[in-house]
């Protein structure tokens, strides 16, 4: 509920006897950012956008026979001319306000909790922006609407050629509408993951630290855990490599990472509905149930802004307290945070969009 935190708001926190153990929030972690190429935004460079470079695929067109002692003409040399993709950063923020009396009598440390929650909310927002860009959807991720409102103009962000795979491709070649009616090969299994990796290898997608990464919903991960080829993260040696945030295991060497902010659409006979965010269908393989989008990543698939260092647009937290014109009696403390964020597809052939249902019905 939006508004000012007062003693009325936290009335349960100022009783004489109160159990301070609170149920933890179901917090989202910023998962997708760890697989993107971070692009630095230099300070005082006069730019509010990020740019990535897209190079052409390997080719034998410029390889030529050489004659002894004779150099080929300069005009036959290979031309390295990358295309530049640029997107403007979008600024978003969140704040909360607490009164001086609430702060003085609060037993639950609402001030610290509010500050922590702002950071988590901004992480969820940034993750949603990245997810929607990779999906090719025209949905925004702000004002409480992670997936319901279109961006200005309403045009889908799918001008690039994106690789979409459905269900279990080794068993049957699907479309979105076919996946809706499919009740037997619509879930994700080890063979499906192996097919995705084969497709990525065919596309010459480089691995990330020696592995492809599959970012998926907990329900899809549950389906994979039932596969006989599943290897839990707790059972393999990582040879000194750090675990990814959300990493739960691997199949055929592909790291599986859980994200709790998946793009979910309802099964439909209309192909364009795969870009519409909706979660009312629930789990299961029947028609009109949730169709969950997962991503298989190779290296260099997409770019995001660098959050640390001397980046002038890194996330920042502002705390304002003390007498001022709008608060002459110093009755309020204002806490606000802001972030500039954007994501852009750098090499579309280096990641795969996988849509599937789940056998989990919870």
Protein backbone atom coordinates (compact mmCIF):
# COMPACT_ATOMS: atom_id res chain seq x y z
CA UNK A 1 0.00 0.00 0.00
CA UNK A 2 1.48 3.31 -1.05
CA UNK A 3 1.72 6.21 1.38
CA UNK A 4 3.54 7.43 4.46
CA UNK A 5 4.65 4.97 7.16
CA UNK A 6 3.11 6.21 10.44
CA UNK A 7 2.53 4.79 13.92
CA UNK A 8 -0.85 3.64 12.63
CA UNK A 9 0.83 1.74 9.79
CA UNK A 10 3.13 -0.16 12.16
CA UNK A 11 0.72 -0.37 15.08
CA UNK A 12 1.55 -4.07 15.62
CA UNK A 13 5.21 -3.16 16.00
CA UNK A 14 4.82 -0.91 19.03
CA UNK A 15 3.00 -3.20 21.46
CA UNK A 16 4.62 -3.91 24.82
CA UNK A 17 5.16 -7.59 24.03
CA UNK A 18 5.72 -8.69 20.48
CA UNK A 19 7.47 -11.56 18.70
CA UNK A 20 10.05 -9.95 16.41
CA UNK A 21 10.34 -12.98 14.13
CA UNK A 22 8.84 -11.98 10.81
CA UNK A 23 8.01 -13.98 7.75
CA UNK A 24 10.58 -13.19 5.11
CA UNK A 25 9.51 -11.69 1.85
CA UNK A 26 9.69 -13.85 -1.24
CA UNK A 27 12.50 -11.77 -2.65
CA UNK A 28 13.62 -11.80 -6.25
CA UNK A 29 17.30 -11.79 -7.11
CA UNK A 30 18.81 -10.18 -10.13
CA UNK A 31 19.62 -13.37 -12.05
CA UNK A 32 19.82 -12.45 -15.74
CA UNK A 33 22.40 -9.69 -15.32
CA UNK A 34 25.19 -12.19 -14.58
CA UNK A 35 25.08 -13.55 -18.15
CA UNK A 36 25.12 -10.23 -20.02
CA UNK A 37 28.07 -8.25 -21.31
CA UNK A 38 28.49 -5.22 -19.08
CA UNK A 39 29.00 -1.97 -20.97
CA UNK A 40 30.74 0.85 -19.15
CA UNK A 41 29.32 4.35 -19.39
CA UNK A 42 32.24 6.76 -18.89
CA UNK A 43 31.75 9.67 -16.56
CA UNK A 44 31.33 13.09 -18.24
CA UNK A 45 31.12 11.42 -21.66
CA UNK A 46 27.85 13.11 -22.55
CA UNK A 47 26.01 9.82 -23.09
CA UNK A 48 22.88 8.34 -21.55
CA UNK A 49 22.83 5.15 -23.59
CA UNK A 50 24.67 1.85 -23.95
CA UNK A 51 26.07 0.50 -27.19
CA UNK A 52 27.05 -3.00 -28.26
CA UNK A 53 28.77 -4.16 -31.42
CA UNK A 54 27.51 -6.99 -33.56
CA UNK A 55 30.07 -8.65 -35.85
CA UNK A 56 29.38 -10.84 -38.84
CA UNK A 57 29.53 -14.63 -38.72
CA UNK A 58 32.69 -16.49 -39.83
CA UNK A 59 32.94 -16.88 -43.61
CA UNK A 60 35.36 -18.26 -46.22
CA UNK A 61 34.40 -15.62 -48.77
CA UNK A 62 37.61 -13.58 -48.31
CA UNK A 63 40.01 -16.53 -48.14
CA UNK A 64 41.99 -16.60 -51.42
CA UNK A 65 44.85 -18.35 -53.11
CA UNK A 66 48.23 -16.63 -52.86
CA UNK A 67 50.92 -16.37 -55.55
CA UNK A 68 54.55 -16.46 -54.50
CA UNK A 69 55.99 -12.97 -54.10
CA UNK A 70 52.72 -11.25 -55.08
CA UNK A 71 50.50 -9.54 -52.51
CA UNK A 72 46.75 -9.52 -53.19
CA UNK A 73 45.12 -6.18 -53.92
CA UNK A 74 44.04 -4.18 -50.88
CA UNK A 75 40.48 -4.28 -52.16
CA UNK A 76 40.33 -8.02 -51.47
CA UNK A 77 41.14 -7.67 -47.75
CA UNK A 78 38.53 -8.62 -45.18
CA UNK A 79 36.48 -5.71 -43.91
CA UNK A 80 35.76 -5.74 -40.17
CA UNK A 81 32.70 -3.53 -40.02
CA UNK A 82 30.56 -4.24 -36.95
CA UNK A 83 27.04 -2.92 -36.70
CA UNK A 84 26.33 -0.80 -33.64
CA UNK A 85 23.26 -1.32 -31.48
CA UNK A 86 22.40 1.52 -29.12
CA UNK A 87 19.62 1.96 -26.56
CA UNK A 88 18.91 4.88 -24.27
CA UNK A 89 18.94 4.22 -20.54
CA UNK A 90 15.64 4.57 -18.71
CA UNK A 91 15.63 5.99 -15.20
CA UNK A 92 13.34 4.57 -12.53
CA UNK A 93 13.19 4.89 -8.79
CA UNK A 94 11.30 4.13 -5.60
CA UNK A 95 10.97 5.77 -2.21
CA UNK A 96 9.37 5.52 1.20
CA UNK A 97 8.68 8.02 3.96
CA UNK A 98 8.75 7.42 7.71
CA UNK A 99 7.70 9.76 10.49
CA UNK A 100 9.96 10.67 13.39
CA UNK A 101 7.63 9.10 15.96
CA UNK A 102 7.34 5.85 13.98
CA UNK A 103 11.11 5.70 13.80
CA UNK A 104 11.47 6.33 17.53
CA UNK A 105 9.03 3.63 18.73
CA UNK A 106 9.37 1.00 15.99
CA UNK A 107 10.61 -2.39 17.22
CA UNK A 108 10.71 -4.00 13.77
CA UNK A 109 13.33 -1.77 12.14
CA UNK A 110 11.00 -0.69 9.37
CA UNK A 111 13.55 1.89 8.27
CA UNK A 112 16.20 -0.74 7.55
CA UNK A 113 13.64 -3.07 6.01
CA UNK A 114 12.34 -0.35 3.72
CA UNK A 115 15.84 0.47 2.51
CA UNK A 116 16.54 -3.19 1.84
CA UNK A 117 13.25 -3.69 0.03
CA UNK A 118 13.90 -0.76 -2.30
CA UNK A 119 17.09 -2.43 -3.47
CA UNK A 120 15.27 -5.71 -4.05
CA UNK A 121 12.45 -3.98 -5.94
CA UNK A 122 14.88 -2.22 -8.27
CA UNK A 123 16.65 -5.52 -8.91
CA UNK A 124 13.34 -7.12 -9.84
CA UNK A 125 12.52 -4.22 -12.14
CA UNK A 126 15.89 -4.42 -13.94
CA UNK A 127 15.57 -8.19 -14.29
CA UNK A 128 12.11 -7.75 -15.82
CA UNK A 129 13.38 -5.23 -18.37
CA UNK A 130 16.15 -7.62 -19.43
CA UNK A 131 13.73 -10.53 -19.63
CA UNK A 132 11.24 -8.67 -21.82
CA UNK A 133 13.96 -7.49 -24.22
CA UNK A 134 15.29 -11.03 -24.63
CA UNK A 135 11.76 -12.36 -25.12
CA UNK A 136 10.99 -9.77 -27.80
CA UNK A 137 7.93 -8.49 -25.98
CA UNK A 138 6.64 -4.92 -25.93
CA UNK A 139 5.77 -5.01 -22.25
CA UNK A 140 7.00 -2.51 -19.72
CA UNK A 141 8.27 -3.26 -16.23
CA UNK A 142 7.27 -0.33 -14.05
CA UNK A 143 4.48 1.09 -11.91
CA UNK A 144 3.52 -2.31 -10.57
CA UNK A 145 3.16 -3.68 -14.08
CA UNK A 146 5.94 -6.15 -14.74
CA UNK A 147 4.08 -7.51 -17.72
CA UNK A 148 0.82 -5.84 -18.63
CA UNK A 149 1.33 -2.48 -20.33
CA UNK A 150 2.79 -1.85 -23.77
CA UNK A 151 5.66 0.52 -24.34
CA UNK A 152 5.07 3.70 -26.31
CA UNK A 153 3.88 2.93 -29.83
CA UNK A 154 2.95 -0.64 -28.98
CA UNK A 155 5.38 -2.19 -31.46
CA UNK A 156 6.91 -5.51 -30.49
CA UNK A 157 10.64 -5.48 -29.80
CA UNK A 158 11.20 -8.35 -32.22
CA UNK A 159 12.82 -6.71 -35.24
CA UNK A 160 15.71 -9.16 -34.81
CA UNK A 161 15.45 -12.78 -35.87
CA UNK A 162 15.03 -14.69 -32.61
CA UNK A 163 15.42 -18.45 -32.18
CA UNK A 164 12.33 -19.96 -30.57
CA UNK A 165 12.09 -23.65 -29.62
CA UNK A 166 9.07 -25.39 -28.10
CA UNK A 167 8.67 -28.35 -25.76
CA UNK A 168 10.78 -31.38 -26.62
CA UNK A 169 12.17 -30.71 -30.12
CA UNK A 170 13.78 -34.16 -30.42
CA UNK A 171 10.30 -35.70 -30.21
CA UNK A 172 8.29 -33.27 -32.29
CA UNK A 173 8.71 -29.90 -34.00
CA UNK A 174 6.24 -27.53 -32.41
CA UNK A 175 4.78 -24.09 -32.82
CA UNK A 176 3.30 -21.98 -30.04
CA UNK A 177 -0.22 -23.01 -30.98
CA UNK A 178 0.88 -26.64 -31.22
CA UNK A 179 2.46 -26.46 -27.79
CA UNK A 180 -0.86 -25.28 -26.39
CA UNK A 181 -2.64 -28.49 -27.40
CA UNK A 182 0.31 -30.81 -26.71
CA UNK A 183 -0.05 -32.78 -23.48
CA UNK A 184 2.76 -35.35 -23.86
CA UNK A 185 5.90 -33.62 -25.19
CA UNK A 186 5.31 -30.11 -23.89
CA UNK A 187 7.57 -30.25 -20.83
CA UNK A 188 11.34 -29.79 -20.65
CA UNK A 189 13.61 -32.79 -20.17
CA UNK A 190 17.30 -33.62 -20.58
CA UNK A 191 16.93 -34.43 -24.27
CA UNK A 192 15.29 -31.06 -24.88
CA UNK A 193 18.17 -29.32 -23.16
CA UNK A 194 20.66 -31.31 -25.22
CA UNK A 195 18.85 -30.20 -28.39
CA UNK A 196 19.07 -26.56 -27.29
CA UNK A 197 22.81 -26.89 -26.72
CA UNK A 198 23.20 -28.54 -30.12
CA UNK A 199 21.37 -25.63 -31.73
CA UNK A 200 23.54 -23.11 -29.88
CA UNK A 201 26.71 -24.93 -30.94
CA UNK A 202 25.48 -24.96 -34.55
CA UNK A 203 24.99 -21.20 -34.24
CA UNK A 204 28.64 -20.93 -33.09
CA UNK A 205 27.60 -19.53 -29.72
CA UNK A 206 30.59 -19.53 -27.38
CA UNK A 207 30.10 -21.05 -23.93
CA UNK A 208 30.19 -19.00 -20.73
CA UNK A 209 33.16 -20.16 -18.65
CA UNK A 210 33.05 -23.51 -20.44
CA UNK A 211 29.30 -24.14 -20.18
CA UNK A 212 26.01 -23.08 -21.65
CA UNK A 213 23.53 -21.73 -19.09
CA UNK A 214 19.80 -22.44 -18.94
CA UNK A 215 17.82 -19.85 -16.93
CA UNK A 216 14.39 -21.14 -16.08
CA UNK A 217 11.38 -21.18 -13.79
CA UNK A 218 11.46 -23.30 -10.59
CA UNK A 219 8.71 -25.51 -12.01
CA UNK A 220 10.67 -26.28 -15.16
CA UNK A 221 13.76 -26.91 -13.06
CA UNK A 222 11.68 -29.39 -11.06
CA UNK A 223 10.87 -31.26 -14.28
CA UNK A 224 14.58 -31.40 -15.12
CA UNK A 225 15.45 -32.67 -11.66
CA UNK A 226 13.35 -35.75 -12.36
CA UNK A 227 15.47 -36.60 -15.40
CA UNK A 228 17.91 -39.46 -14.91
CA UNK A 229 20.77 -37.30 -16.26
CA UNK A 230 20.27 -34.59 -13.65
CA UNK A 231 23.28 -33.72 -11.52
CA UNK A 232 22.58 -31.53 -8.51
CA UNK A 233 24.96 -28.67 -7.85
CA UNK A 234 25.73 -30.09 -4.42
CA UNK A 235 27.05 -33.27 -6.05
CA UNK A 236 29.58 -31.92 -8.53
CA UNK A 237 32.93 -30.32 -8.00
CA UNK A 238 33.09 -26.88 -9.48
CA UNK A 239 36.88 -26.97 -9.95
CA UNK A 240 37.34 -23.58 -8.35
CA UNK A 241 34.65 -21.90 -10.48
CA UNK A 242 32.11 -19.81 -8.59
CA UNK A 243 28.50 -20.93 -8.66
CA UNK A 244 26.03 -18.70 -10.46
CA UNK A 245 23.31 -17.03 -8.44
CA UNK A 246 20.40 -19.43 -8.52
CA UNK A 247 22.44 -22.38 -9.85
CA UNK A 248 20.83 -25.69 -8.85
CA UNK A 249 22.49 -28.30 -11.08
CA UNK A 250 23.37 -29.34 -14.60
CA UNK A 251 22.45 -31.73 -17.40
CA UNK A 252 24.95 -32.74 -20.08
CA UNK A 253 27.22 -29.99 -18.79
CA UNK A 254 24.59 -27.25 -19.17
CA UNK A 255 24.25 -25.21 -15.97
CA UNK A 256 20.65 -24.78 -14.80
CA UNK A 257 19.84 -21.54 -12.97
CA UNK A 258 16.50 -20.76 -11.37
CA UNK A 259 14.91 -17.36 -11.90
CA UNK A 260 11.64 -16.59 -10.14
CA UNK A 261 10.67 -13.90 -12.61
CA UNK A 262 10.02 -15.92 -15.75
CA UNK A 263 8.00 -14.65 -18.71
CA UNK A 264 4.78 -16.67 -18.61
CA UNK A 265 2.01 -16.62 -21.19
CA UNK A 266 -1.20 -18.63 -21.51
CA UNK A 267 -1.52 -21.41 -24.06
CA UNK A 268 -3.45 -20.09 -27.04
CA UNK A 269 -4.30 -20.76 -30.68
CA UNK A 270 -3.01 -17.25 -31.46
CA UNK A 271 0.76 -17.19 -32.03
CA UNK A 272 1.11 -13.52 -31.04
CA UNK A 273 -0.14 -14.37 -27.55
CA UNK A 274 3.31 -15.70 -26.71
CA UNK A 275 4.34 -12.05 -26.23
CA UNK A 276 1.50 -11.38 -23.77
CA UNK A 277 2.39 -11.79 -20.10
CA UNK A 278 -0.27 -13.71 -18.15
CA UNK A 279 -0.03 -16.20 -15.29
CA UNK A 280 -3.59 -17.30 -14.55
CA UNK A 281 -3.39 -20.67 -16.30
CA UNK A 282 -1.42 -22.50 -13.63
CA UNK A 283 0.83 -25.52 -13.98
CA UNK A 284 0.09 -28.72 -15.85
CA UNK A 285 0.12 -29.79 -19.49
CA UNK A 286 -3.51 -29.24 -20.49
CA UNK A 287 -4.49 -26.62 -23.07
CA UNK A 288 -4.49 -22.98 -21.91
CA UNK A 289 -2.08 -23.76 -19.05
CA UNK A 290 1.00 -21.63 -18.36
CA UNK A 291 3.62 -21.63 -21.09
CA UNK A 292 6.92 -20.72 -19.49
CA UNK A 293 9.77 -19.03 -21.32
CA UNK A 294 13.31 -20.10 -20.45
CA UNK A 295 16.59 -18.94 -21.98
CA UNK A 296 19.67 -20.88 -23.00
CA UNK A 297 22.62 -18.46 -23.01
CA UNK A 298 25.97 -18.45 -24.72
CA UNK A 299 28.55 -15.72 -24.25
CA UNK A 300 27.92 -12.27 -25.72
CA UNK A 301 24.18 -12.73 -26.23
CA UNK A 302 23.12 -9.36 -24.81
CA UNK A 303 24.44 -6.22 -23.19
CA UNK A 304 23.58 -4.36 -20.01
CA UNK A 305 25.04 -1.28 -18.30
CA UNK A 306 27.83 -1.72 -15.81
CA UNK A 307 26.53 -1.05 -12.33
CA UNK A 308 29.78 -0.60 -10.41
CA UNK A 309 32.96 1.44 -10.79
CA UNK A 310 32.79 5.10 -11.71
CA UNK A 311 29.65 4.66 -13.79
CA UNK A 312 27.71 7.92 -13.27
CA UNK A 313 24.43 6.04 -13.71
CA UNK A 314 25.02 3.32 -11.13
CA UNK A 315 22.22 2.76 -8.58
CA UNK A 316 22.22 5.34 -5.82
CA UNK A 317 20.42 5.76 -2.50
CA UNK A 318 19.43 9.15 -1.13
CA UNK A 319 18.36 9.81 2.49
CA UNK A 320 16.86 13.18 3.31
CA UNK A 321 16.12 14.23 6.87
CA UNK A 322 16.17 17.42 8.84
CA UNK A 323 14.06 20.60 8.70
CA UNK A 324 13.21 21.89 5.24
CA UNK A 325 10.46 23.90 3.58
CA UNK A 326 8.26 20.87 2.92
CA UNK A 327 8.87 19.51 6.44
CA UNK A 328 9.64 22.45 8.77
CA UNK A 329 9.13 20.39 11.95
CA UNK A 330 11.48 17.60 10.84
CA UNK A 331 8.73 15.00 11.17
CA UNK A 332 9.68 12.85 8.19
CA UNK A 333 12.64 10.96 6.82
CA UNK A 334 12.67 10.41 3.06
CA UNK A 335 14.52 7.46 1.55
CA UNK A 336 14.76 7.17 -2.21
CA UNK A 337 16.77 5.14 -4.71
CA UNK A 338 17.15 5.37 -8.46
CA UNK A 339 18.65 3.30 -11.23
CA UNK A 340 19.32 3.73 -14.93
CA UNK A 341 18.86 0.48 -16.82
CA UNK A 342 18.46 -0.99 -20.27
CA UNK A 343 19.21 -4.24 -22.06
CA UNK A 344 19.84 -4.87 -25.73
CA UNK A 345 20.27 -7.97 -27.79
CA UNK A 346 23.87 -8.10 -28.95
CA UNK A 347 24.02 -11.41 -30.84
CA UNK A 348 20.61 -13.03 -31.23
CA UNK A 349 22.04 -16.32 -32.46
CA UNK A 350 23.93 -16.71 -29.18
CA UNK A 351 20.84 -17.39 -27.09
CA UNK A 352 17.72 -19.52 -27.53
CA UNK A 353 14.18 -18.86 -26.33
CA UNK A 354 12.65 -22.09 -25.06
CA UNK A 355 8.94 -22.33 -24.31
CA UNK A 356 7.46 -25.26 -22.43
CA UNK A 357 4.76 -26.33 -20.02
CA UNK A 358 5.45 -27.98 -16.70
CA UNK A 359 4.37 -31.20 -15.09
CA UNK A 360 4.11 -29.37 -11.77
CA UNK A 361 0.56 -28.42 -10.88
CA UNK A 362 1.21 -26.38 -7.75
